[in-house]
């Protein structure tokens, strides 16, 4: 997992592999608040962008998830959100397996979960070994504008 702010790209994240650098630089260069909600190809299905508005929820109403085919680069445009994160241990109980149709596996919980606080400009990179729980309310539920850039692992 990588956590940072798009304003620190040049000083702190020059070492990123090229596909992740493409994704994170796109976050800095694009006005996602003005962009309509939807999906956009950045490099075909190897790197694509999802722009959406969502309402954060209390912790108990969110689910831990993991992806196997894509790396998630999650970016917060407006509002505040918490994201739970932990390394995959192999001990998490599967709640719903959508790997085949959607590259998405939900767990009923996760071991050793820590919380990240996302504010506008924050980004987090979640690899297939990173279980994450997005959409957790910061203080109370609120509508946020969020971007997820999917980067194919291969």
N, C-alpha and C. Protein backbone atom coordinates (compact mmCIF):
# COMPACT_ATOMS: atom_id res chain seq x y z
N UNK A 1 0.84 -1.17 0.00
CA UNK A 1 0.00 0.00 0.00
C UNK A 1 0.89 1.24 0.00
N UNK A 2 0.46 2.22 -0.75
CA UNK A 2 1.15 3.51 -0.81
C UNK A 2 0.11 4.58 -0.47
N UNK A 3 0.50 5.55 0.33
CA UNK A 3 -0.40 6.63 0.70
C UNK A 3 0.33 7.95 0.52
N UNK A 4 -0.35 8.94 -0.07
CA UNK A 4 0.29 10.24 -0.25
C UNK A 4 -0.69 11.29 -0.70
N UNK A 5 -0.12 12.41 -1.16
CA UNK A 5 -0.90 13.53 -1.67
C UNK A 5 -0.36 13.90 -3.04
N UNK A 6 -1.25 14.22 -3.97
CA UNK A 6 -0.81 14.52 -5.34
C UNK A 6 0.12 15.73 -5.40
N UNK A 7 0.08 16.59 -4.40
CA UNK A 7 0.97 17.75 -4.39
C UNK A 7 2.41 17.38 -4.08
N UNK A 8 2.66 16.14 -3.64
CA UNK A 8 4.01 15.70 -3.31
C UNK A 8 4.60 14.77 -4.37
N UNK A 9 4.01 14.73 -5.55
CA UNK A 9 4.44 13.77 -6.57
C UNK A 9 5.91 13.91 -6.93
N UNK A 10 6.34 15.10 -7.25
CA UNK A 10 7.71 15.28 -7.73
C UNK A 10 8.73 14.96 -6.63
N UNK A 11 8.44 15.37 -5.41
CA UNK A 11 9.42 15.20 -4.34
C UNK A 11 9.41 13.81 -3.70
N UNK A 12 8.27 13.16 -3.68
CA UNK A 12 8.19 11.90 -2.92
C UNK A 12 7.89 10.65 -3.73
N UNK A 13 7.39 10.79 -4.96
CA UNK A 13 6.93 9.61 -5.68
C UNK A 13 7.53 9.44 -7.06
N UNK A 14 8.71 10.00 -7.29
CA UNK A 14 9.38 9.88 -8.59
C UNK A 14 9.77 8.43 -8.88
N UNK A 15 9.89 7.62 -7.86
CA UNK A 15 10.32 6.23 -7.99
C UNK A 15 9.21 5.27 -8.43
N UNK A 16 7.97 5.73 -8.49
CA UNK A 16 6.86 4.84 -8.85
C UNK A 16 7.10 4.17 -10.21
N UNK A 17 6.69 2.92 -10.36
CA UNK A 17 6.74 2.28 -11.68
C UNK A 17 5.87 3.06 -12.66
N UNK A 18 6.25 3.02 -13.93
CA UNK A 18 5.60 3.84 -14.95
C UNK A 18 4.07 3.76 -14.96
N UNK A 19 3.44 2.58 -14.92
CA UNK A 19 1.97 2.56 -14.94
C UNK A 19 1.34 3.30 -13.75
N UNK A 20 1.93 3.15 -12.57
CA UNK A 20 1.40 3.86 -11.41
C UNK A 20 1.69 5.35 -11.49
N UNK A 21 2.82 5.70 -12.05
CA UNK A 21 3.16 7.12 -12.23
C UNK A 21 2.16 7.77 -13.20
N UNK A 22 1.82 7.07 -14.28
CA UNK A 22 0.82 7.57 -15.23
C UNK A 22 -0.50 7.83 -14.50
N UNK A 23 -0.91 6.88 -13.67
CA UNK A 23 -2.18 7.01 -12.95
C UNK A 23 -2.15 8.19 -11.98
N UNK A 24 -1.11 8.28 -11.18
CA UNK A 24 -1.05 9.33 -10.16
C UNK A 24 -0.87 10.72 -10.78
N UNK A 25 -0.08 10.81 -11.85
CA UNK A 25 0.05 12.10 -12.54
C UNK A 25 -1.27 12.53 -13.15
N UNK A 26 -2.06 11.57 -13.63
CA UNK A 26 -3.39 11.89 -14.17
C UNK A 26 -4.27 12.50 -13.08
N UNK A 27 -4.12 12.02 -11.85
CA UNK A 27 -4.89 12.58 -10.74
C UNK A 27 -4.57 14.06 -10.55
N UNK A 28 -3.29 14.39 -10.63
CA UNK A 28 -2.87 15.77 -10.40
C UNK A 28 -3.28 16.70 -11.55
N UNK A 29 -3.30 16.19 -12.77
CA UNK A 29 -3.52 17.03 -13.95
C UNK A 29 -4.99 17.20 -14.32
N UNK A 30 -5.88 16.45 -13.71
CA UNK A 30 -7.28 16.44 -14.15
C UNK A 30 -8.18 17.09 -13.11
N UNK A 31 -9.12 17.92 -13.58
CA UNK A 31 -10.12 18.53 -12.71
C UNK A 31 -11.32 17.59 -12.63
N UNK A 32 -11.28 16.66 -11.69
CA UNK A 32 -12.33 15.65 -11.58
C UNK A 32 -13.63 16.22 -11.03
N UNK A 33 -13.59 17.35 -10.37
CA UNK A 33 -14.82 17.97 -9.87
C UNK A 33 -15.67 18.43 -11.06
N UNK A 34 -15.02 18.92 -12.11
CA UNK A 34 -15.73 19.40 -13.29
C UNK A 34 -16.11 18.27 -14.25
N UNK A 35 -15.48 17.13 -14.11
CA UNK A 35 -15.70 16.00 -15.02
C UNK A 35 -16.99 15.27 -14.64
N UNK A 36 -17.80 14.89 -15.61
CA UNK A 36 -19.00 14.13 -15.28
C UNK A 36 -18.67 12.76 -14.69
N UNK A 37 -19.55 12.26 -13.85
CA UNK A 37 -19.43 10.92 -13.30
C UNK A 37 -19.40 9.93 -14.46
N UNK A 38 -18.53 8.94 -14.38
CA UNK A 38 -18.46 7.92 -15.42
C UNK A 38 -17.11 7.23 -15.45
N UNK A 39 -16.95 6.35 -16.43
CA UNK A 39 -15.70 5.60 -16.64
C UNK A 39 -14.99 6.14 -17.87
N UNK A 40 -13.65 6.23 -17.77
CA UNK A 40 -12.84 6.78 -18.85
C UNK A 40 -11.60 5.92 -19.05
N UNK A 41 -11.31 5.59 -20.30
CA UNK A 41 -10.08 4.86 -20.60
C UNK A 41 -8.90 5.81 -20.57
N UNK A 42 -7.85 5.42 -19.89
CA UNK A 42 -6.61 6.17 -19.90
C UNK A 42 -5.61 5.47 -20.82
N UNK A 43 -5.50 4.16 -20.67
CA UNK A 43 -4.73 3.32 -21.59
C UNK A 43 -5.52 2.03 -21.80
N UNK A 44 -6.65 2.17 -22.48
CA UNK A 44 -7.53 1.03 -22.71
C UNK A 44 -7.98 0.41 -21.41
N UNK A 45 -8.04 -0.91 -21.38
CA UNK A 45 -8.44 -1.62 -20.15
C UNK A 45 -7.24 -1.91 -19.26
N UNK A 46 -6.03 -1.48 -19.67
CA UNK A 46 -4.86 -1.63 -18.81
C UNK A 46 -4.85 -0.59 -17.69
N UNK A 47 -5.29 0.63 -18.02
CA UNK A 47 -5.43 1.69 -17.02
C UNK A 47 -6.71 2.45 -17.37
N UNK A 48 -7.68 2.42 -16.47
CA UNK A 48 -8.91 3.17 -16.71
C UNK A 48 -9.36 3.86 -15.43
N UNK A 49 -10.22 4.86 -15.62
CA UNK A 49 -10.60 5.77 -14.55
C UNK A 49 -12.10 5.66 -14.26
N UNK A 50 -12.45 5.61 -12.99
CA UNK A 50 -13.84 5.64 -12.55
C UNK A 50 -14.04 6.89 -11.71
N UNK A 51 -14.97 7.75 -12.11
CA UNK A 51 -15.30 8.96 -11.36
C UNK A 51 -16.71 8.78 -10.82
N UNK A 52 -16.88 8.95 -9.51
CA UNK A 52 -18.22 8.77 -8.96
C UNK A 52 -18.41 9.59 -7.68
N UNK A 53 -19.67 9.82 -7.38
CA UNK A 53 -20.07 10.45 -6.14
C UNK A 53 -20.66 9.35 -5.26
N UNK A 54 -20.33 9.39 -3.99
CA UNK A 54 -20.84 8.38 -3.07
C UNK A 54 -21.07 9.02 -1.71
N UNK A 55 -21.88 8.37 -0.91
CA UNK A 55 -22.08 8.80 0.46
C UNK A 55 -21.35 7.83 1.36
N UNK A 56 -20.46 8.36 2.20
CA UNK A 56 -19.74 7.51 3.14
C UNK A 56 -20.74 6.93 4.15
N UNK A 57 -20.33 5.84 4.80
CA UNK A 57 -21.23 5.13 5.71
C UNK A 57 -20.53 4.86 7.03
N UNK A 58 -21.31 4.59 8.07
CA UNK A 58 -20.69 4.14 9.32
C UNK A 58 -19.89 2.85 9.07
N UNK A 59 -18.85 2.66 9.84
CA UNK A 59 -17.95 1.52 9.69
C UNK A 59 -18.70 0.20 9.53
N UNK A 60 -19.70 -0.04 10.37
CA UNK A 60 -20.42 -1.32 10.38
C UNK A 60 -21.18 -1.59 9.09
N UNK A 61 -21.40 -0.56 8.29
CA UNK A 61 -22.15 -0.72 7.04
C UNK A 61 -21.24 -0.85 5.82
N UNK A 62 -19.93 -0.94 6.02
CA UNK A 62 -18.98 -1.06 4.91
C UNK A 62 -18.39 -2.46 4.88
N UNK A 63 -17.77 -2.81 3.74
CA UNK A 63 -17.20 -4.15 3.60
C UNK A 63 -15.74 -4.07 3.15
N UNK A 64 -14.96 -4.98 3.69
CA UNK A 64 -13.57 -5.11 3.28
C UNK A 64 -13.53 -5.81 1.92
N UNK A 65 -12.59 -5.39 1.08
CA UNK A 65 -12.52 -5.94 -0.28
C UNK A 65 -11.07 -6.08 -0.73
N UNK A 66 -10.90 -6.88 -1.78
CA UNK A 66 -9.60 -7.06 -2.40
C UNK A 66 -9.83 -7.33 -3.89
N UNK A 67 -8.82 -7.02 -4.69
CA UNK A 67 -8.85 -7.25 -6.13
C UNK A 67 -7.62 -8.06 -6.51
N UNK A 68 -7.71 -8.88 -7.53
CA UNK A 68 -6.58 -9.71 -7.94
C UNK A 68 -5.98 -9.28 -9.28
N UNK A 69 -6.80 -8.77 -10.18
CA UNK A 69 -6.33 -8.42 -11.53
C UNK A 69 -5.90 -6.96 -11.67
N UNK A 70 -6.38 -6.09 -10.78
CA UNK A 70 -6.10 -4.67 -10.88
C UNK A 70 -5.60 -4.11 -9.55
N UNK A 71 -4.74 -3.11 -9.65
CA UNK A 71 -4.32 -2.29 -8.53
C UNK A 71 -5.29 -1.13 -8.47
N UNK A 72 -5.74 -0.77 -7.29
CA UNK A 72 -6.63 0.39 -7.10
C UNK A 72 -5.79 1.60 -6.71
N UNK A 73 -5.96 2.68 -7.44
CA UNK A 73 -5.41 3.98 -7.03
C UNK A 73 -6.63 4.82 -6.67
N UNK A 74 -6.88 4.99 -5.38
CA UNK A 74 -8.07 5.71 -4.92
C UNK A 74 -7.68 7.14 -4.55
N UNK A 75 -8.51 8.09 -4.99
CA UNK A 75 -8.23 9.51 -4.86
C UNK A 75 -9.49 10.22 -4.39
N UNK A 76 -9.34 11.11 -3.43
CA UNK A 76 -10.49 11.86 -2.93
C UNK A 76 -10.45 13.29 -3.46
N UNK A 77 -11.53 13.69 -4.13
CA UNK A 77 -11.63 15.04 -4.70
C UNK A 77 -12.27 16.01 -3.71
N UNK A 78 -13.39 15.60 -3.11
CA UNK A 78 -14.11 16.47 -2.17
C UNK A 78 -14.55 15.65 -0.97
N UNK A 79 -14.71 16.32 0.16
CA UNK A 79 -15.20 15.67 1.36
C UNK A 79 -14.09 15.04 2.17
N UNK A 80 -14.46 14.08 3.01
CA UNK A 80 -13.51 13.34 3.84
C UNK A 80 -14.00 11.91 3.96
N UNK A 81 -13.06 11.00 4.03
CA UNK A 81 -13.39 9.57 4.06
C UNK A 81 -12.30 8.86 4.84
N UNK A 82 -12.67 7.77 5.47
CA UNK A 82 -11.68 6.87 6.05
C UNK A 82 -11.68 5.60 5.22
N UNK A 83 -10.51 4.99 5.12
CA UNK A 83 -10.37 3.71 4.42
C UNK A 83 -9.61 2.77 5.35
N UNK A 84 -10.21 1.64 5.63
CA UNK A 84 -9.51 0.61 6.40
C UNK A 84 -8.55 -0.12 5.48
N UNK A 85 -7.43 -0.57 6.03
CA UNK A 85 -6.43 -1.27 5.22
C UNK A 85 -5.67 -2.26 6.09
N UNK A 86 -5.32 -3.39 5.49
CA UNK A 86 -4.50 -4.40 6.16
C UNK A 86 -3.89 -5.30 5.10
N UNK A 87 -2.80 -5.93 5.43
CA UNK A 87 -2.19 -6.91 4.53
C UNK A 87 -3.05 -8.16 4.50
N UNK A 88 -3.12 -8.77 3.35
CA UNK A 88 -3.85 -10.02 3.18
C UNK A 88 -3.15 -11.10 3.99
N UNK A 89 -3.89 -11.75 4.89
CA UNK A 89 -3.31 -12.80 5.72
C UNK A 89 -3.73 -14.20 5.29
N UNK A 90 -4.79 -14.27 4.49
CA UNK A 90 -5.34 -15.56 4.13
C UNK A 90 -6.33 -16.08 5.15
N UNK A 91 -6.54 -15.33 6.23
CA UNK A 91 -7.45 -15.76 7.30
C UNK A 91 -8.79 -15.05 7.27
N UNK A 92 -8.99 -14.11 6.35
CA UNK A 92 -10.24 -13.36 6.30
C UNK A 92 -11.35 -14.22 5.68
N UNK A 93 -12.54 -14.16 6.28
CA UNK A 93 -13.67 -14.96 5.81
C UNK A 93 -14.32 -14.28 4.60
N UNK A 94 -14.47 -15.02 3.51
CA UNK A 94 -15.08 -14.51 2.29
C UNK A 94 -16.58 -14.34 2.52
N UNK A 95 -17.08 -13.13 2.22
CA UNK A 95 -18.51 -12.85 2.32
C UNK A 95 -19.18 -12.96 0.95
N UNK A 96 -18.46 -12.53 -0.10
CA UNK A 96 -19.02 -12.59 -1.46
C UNK A 96 -17.87 -12.61 -2.45
N UNK A 97 -17.89 -13.59 -3.35
CA UNK A 97 -16.84 -13.76 -4.35
C UNK A 97 -17.34 -13.31 -5.71
N UNK A 98 -16.85 -12.14 -6.15
CA UNK A 98 -17.19 -11.60 -7.47
C UNK A 98 -15.92 -11.45 -8.32
N UNK A 99 -14.92 -12.30 -8.04
CA UNK A 99 -13.65 -12.17 -8.76
C UNK A 99 -13.83 -12.39 -10.27
N UNK A 100 -14.59 -13.38 -10.65
CA UNK A 100 -14.74 -13.67 -12.08
C UNK A 100 -15.43 -12.53 -12.84
N UNK A 101 -16.59 -12.06 -12.40
CA UNK A 101 -17.24 -11.01 -13.20
C UNK A 101 -16.70 -9.60 -12.97
N UNK A 102 -16.18 -9.31 -11.74
CA UNK A 102 -15.85 -7.91 -11.43
C UNK A 102 -14.49 -7.69 -10.76
N UNK A 103 -13.67 -8.74 -10.64
CA UNK A 103 -12.38 -8.62 -9.94
C UNK A 103 -12.58 -8.03 -8.54
N UNK A 104 -13.52 -8.60 -7.81
CA UNK A 104 -13.89 -8.06 -6.51
C UNK A 104 -14.22 -9.22 -5.56
N UNK A 105 -13.55 -9.23 -4.42
CA UNK A 105 -13.80 -10.22 -3.40
C UNK A 105 -14.08 -9.47 -2.11
N UNK A 106 -15.27 -9.70 -1.54
CA UNK A 106 -15.64 -9.06 -0.28
C UNK A 106 -15.35 -10.01 0.87
N UNK A 107 -14.81 -9.45 1.96
CA UNK A 107 -14.62 -10.20 3.20
C UNK A 107 -15.60 -9.70 4.23
N UNK A 108 -15.91 -10.55 5.21
CA UNK A 108 -16.80 -10.12 6.29
C UNK A 108 -16.05 -9.26 7.31
N UNK A 109 -14.75 -9.22 7.23
CA UNK A 109 -13.91 -8.39 8.09
C UNK A 109 -12.46 -8.59 7.67
N UNK A 110 -11.54 -7.96 8.39
CA UNK A 110 -10.13 -8.17 8.08
C UNK A 110 -9.29 -8.11 9.35
N UNK A 111 -8.26 -8.90 9.38
CA UNK A 111 -7.34 -8.91 10.51
C UNK A 111 -6.43 -7.69 10.47
N UNK A 112 -6.10 -7.17 11.63
CA UNK A 112 -5.08 -6.12 11.79
C UNK A 112 -5.40 -4.85 11.01
N UNK A 113 -6.65 -4.46 10.99
CA UNK A 113 -7.09 -3.29 10.20
C UNK A 113 -6.63 -1.98 10.82
N UNK A 114 -6.07 -1.11 9.98
CA UNK A 114 -5.72 0.26 10.35
C UNK A 114 -6.55 1.19 9.48
N UNK A 115 -6.72 2.43 9.92
CA UNK A 115 -7.54 3.38 9.17
C UNK A 115 -6.69 4.51 8.60
N UNK A 116 -6.93 4.82 7.33
CA UNK A 116 -6.35 6.00 6.67
C UNK A 116 -7.40 7.09 6.66
N UNK A 117 -6.98 8.33 6.81
CA UNK A 117 -7.89 9.46 6.66
C UNK A 117 -7.61 10.11 5.32
N UNK A 118 -8.62 10.12 4.46
CA UNK A 118 -8.52 10.71 3.13
C UNK A 118 -9.16 12.10 3.16
N UNK A 119 -8.42 13.08 2.65
CA UNK A 119 -8.91 14.44 2.48
C UNK A 119 -8.63 14.82 1.03
N UNK A 120 -9.21 15.90 0.53
CA UNK A 120 -8.99 16.25 -0.88
C UNK A 120 -7.49 16.30 -1.23
N UNK A 121 -7.15 15.60 -2.30
CA UNK A 121 -5.75 15.51 -2.75
C UNK A 121 -5.06 14.24 -2.29
N UNK A 122 -5.64 13.52 -1.32
CA UNK A 122 -5.04 12.27 -0.84
C UNK A 122 -5.27 11.16 -1.86
N UNK A 123 -4.25 10.30 -1.99
CA UNK A 123 -4.44 9.10 -2.79
C UNK A 123 -3.86 7.91 -2.04
N UNK A 124 -4.40 6.73 -2.32
CA UNK A 124 -3.90 5.49 -1.74
C UNK A 124 -3.87 4.45 -2.85
N UNK A 125 -2.78 3.70 -2.89
CA UNK A 125 -2.60 2.65 -3.88
C UNK A 125 -2.72 1.31 -3.16
N UNK A 126 -3.67 0.50 -3.59
CA UNK A 126 -3.92 -0.80 -2.99
C UNK A 126 -3.58 -1.90 -3.99
N UNK A 127 -2.63 -2.74 -3.60
CA UNK A 127 -2.19 -3.86 -4.42
C UNK A 127 -3.06 -5.09 -4.12
N UNK A 128 -2.96 -6.16 -4.90
CA UNK A 128 -3.76 -7.36 -4.62
C UNK A 128 -3.51 -7.96 -3.24
N UNK A 129 -2.43 -7.62 -2.60
CA UNK A 129 -2.14 -8.12 -1.24
C UNK A 129 -2.65 -7.17 -0.16
N UNK A 130 -3.35 -6.10 -0.56
CA UNK A 130 -3.87 -5.11 0.39
C UNK A 130 -5.39 -5.21 0.46
N UNK A 131 -5.89 -5.66 1.60
CA UNK A 131 -7.33 -5.64 1.83
C UNK A 131 -7.68 -4.21 2.21
N UNK A 132 -8.77 -3.69 1.64
CA UNK A 132 -9.15 -2.32 1.95
C UNK A 132 -10.66 -2.20 2.13
N UNK A 133 -11.06 -1.22 2.94
CA UNK A 133 -12.46 -0.96 3.27
C UNK A 133 -12.73 0.52 2.96
N UNK A 134 -13.13 0.83 1.72
CA UNK A 134 -13.39 2.24 1.38
C UNK A 134 -14.75 2.70 1.86
N UNK A 135 -14.94 4.02 1.84
CA UNK A 135 -16.26 4.60 2.08
C UNK A 135 -16.68 4.72 3.52
N UNK A 136 -15.74 4.65 4.46
CA UNK A 136 -16.09 4.78 5.87
C UNK A 136 -16.24 6.27 6.20
N UNK A 137 -17.31 6.61 6.91
CA UNK A 137 -17.56 8.00 7.28
C UNK A 137 -16.46 8.51 8.20
N UNK A 138 -16.05 9.76 7.98
CA UNK A 138 -15.02 10.39 8.81
C UNK A 138 -15.59 10.71 10.19
N UNK A 139 -16.53 11.63 10.26
CA UNK A 139 -17.24 11.91 11.51
C UNK A 139 -18.70 11.47 11.38
N UNK A 140 -19.27 11.84 10.25
CA UNK A 140 -20.64 11.47 9.94
C UNK A 140 -20.72 11.25 8.44
N UNK A 141 -21.71 10.49 7.98
CA UNK A 141 -21.83 10.26 6.54
C UNK A 141 -21.90 11.57 5.76
N UNK A 142 -21.23 11.59 4.61
CA UNK A 142 -21.26 12.77 3.73
C UNK A 142 -21.04 12.32 2.30
N UNK A 143 -21.49 13.15 1.38
CA UNK A 143 -21.26 12.88 -0.03
C UNK A 143 -19.85 13.31 -0.39
N UNK A 144 -19.13 12.43 -1.08
CA UNK A 144 -17.77 12.73 -1.53
C UNK A 144 -17.68 12.48 -3.02
N UNK A 145 -16.76 13.18 -3.67
CA UNK A 145 -16.41 12.89 -5.07
C UNK A 145 -15.12 12.10 -5.01
N UNK A 146 -15.15 10.95 -5.64
CA UNK A 146 -14.02 10.03 -5.56
C UNK A 146 -13.63 9.55 -6.95
N UNK A 147 -12.35 9.24 -7.09
CA UNK A 147 -11.83 8.67 -8.34
C UNK A 147 -11.07 7.40 -7.99
N UNK A 148 -11.32 6.36 -8.77
CA UNK A 148 -10.51 5.15 -8.65
C UNK A 148 -9.92 4.87 -10.02
N UNK A 149 -8.60 4.82 -10.06
CA UNK A 149 -7.92 4.44 -11.30
C UNK A 149 -7.50 2.99 -11.14
N UNK A 150 -7.93 2.16 -12.07
CA UNK A 150 -7.62 0.74 -12.08
C UNK A 150 -6.41 0.52 -12.99
N UNK A 151 -5.37 -0.10 -12.43
CA UNK A 151 -4.14 -0.39 -13.18
C UNK A 151 -3.98 -1.91 -13.20
N UNK A 152 -3.99 -2.47 -14.41
CA UNK A 152 -3.87 -3.93 -14.54
C UNK A 152 -2.54 -4.39 -13.96
N UNK A 153 -2.57 -5.43 -13.13
CA UNK A 153 -1.37 -5.95 -12.48
C UNK A 153 -0.34 -6.40 -13.51
N UNK A 154 -0.78 -7.07 -14.55
CA UNK A 154 0.17 -7.62 -15.54
C UNK A 154 0.81 -6.52 -16.35
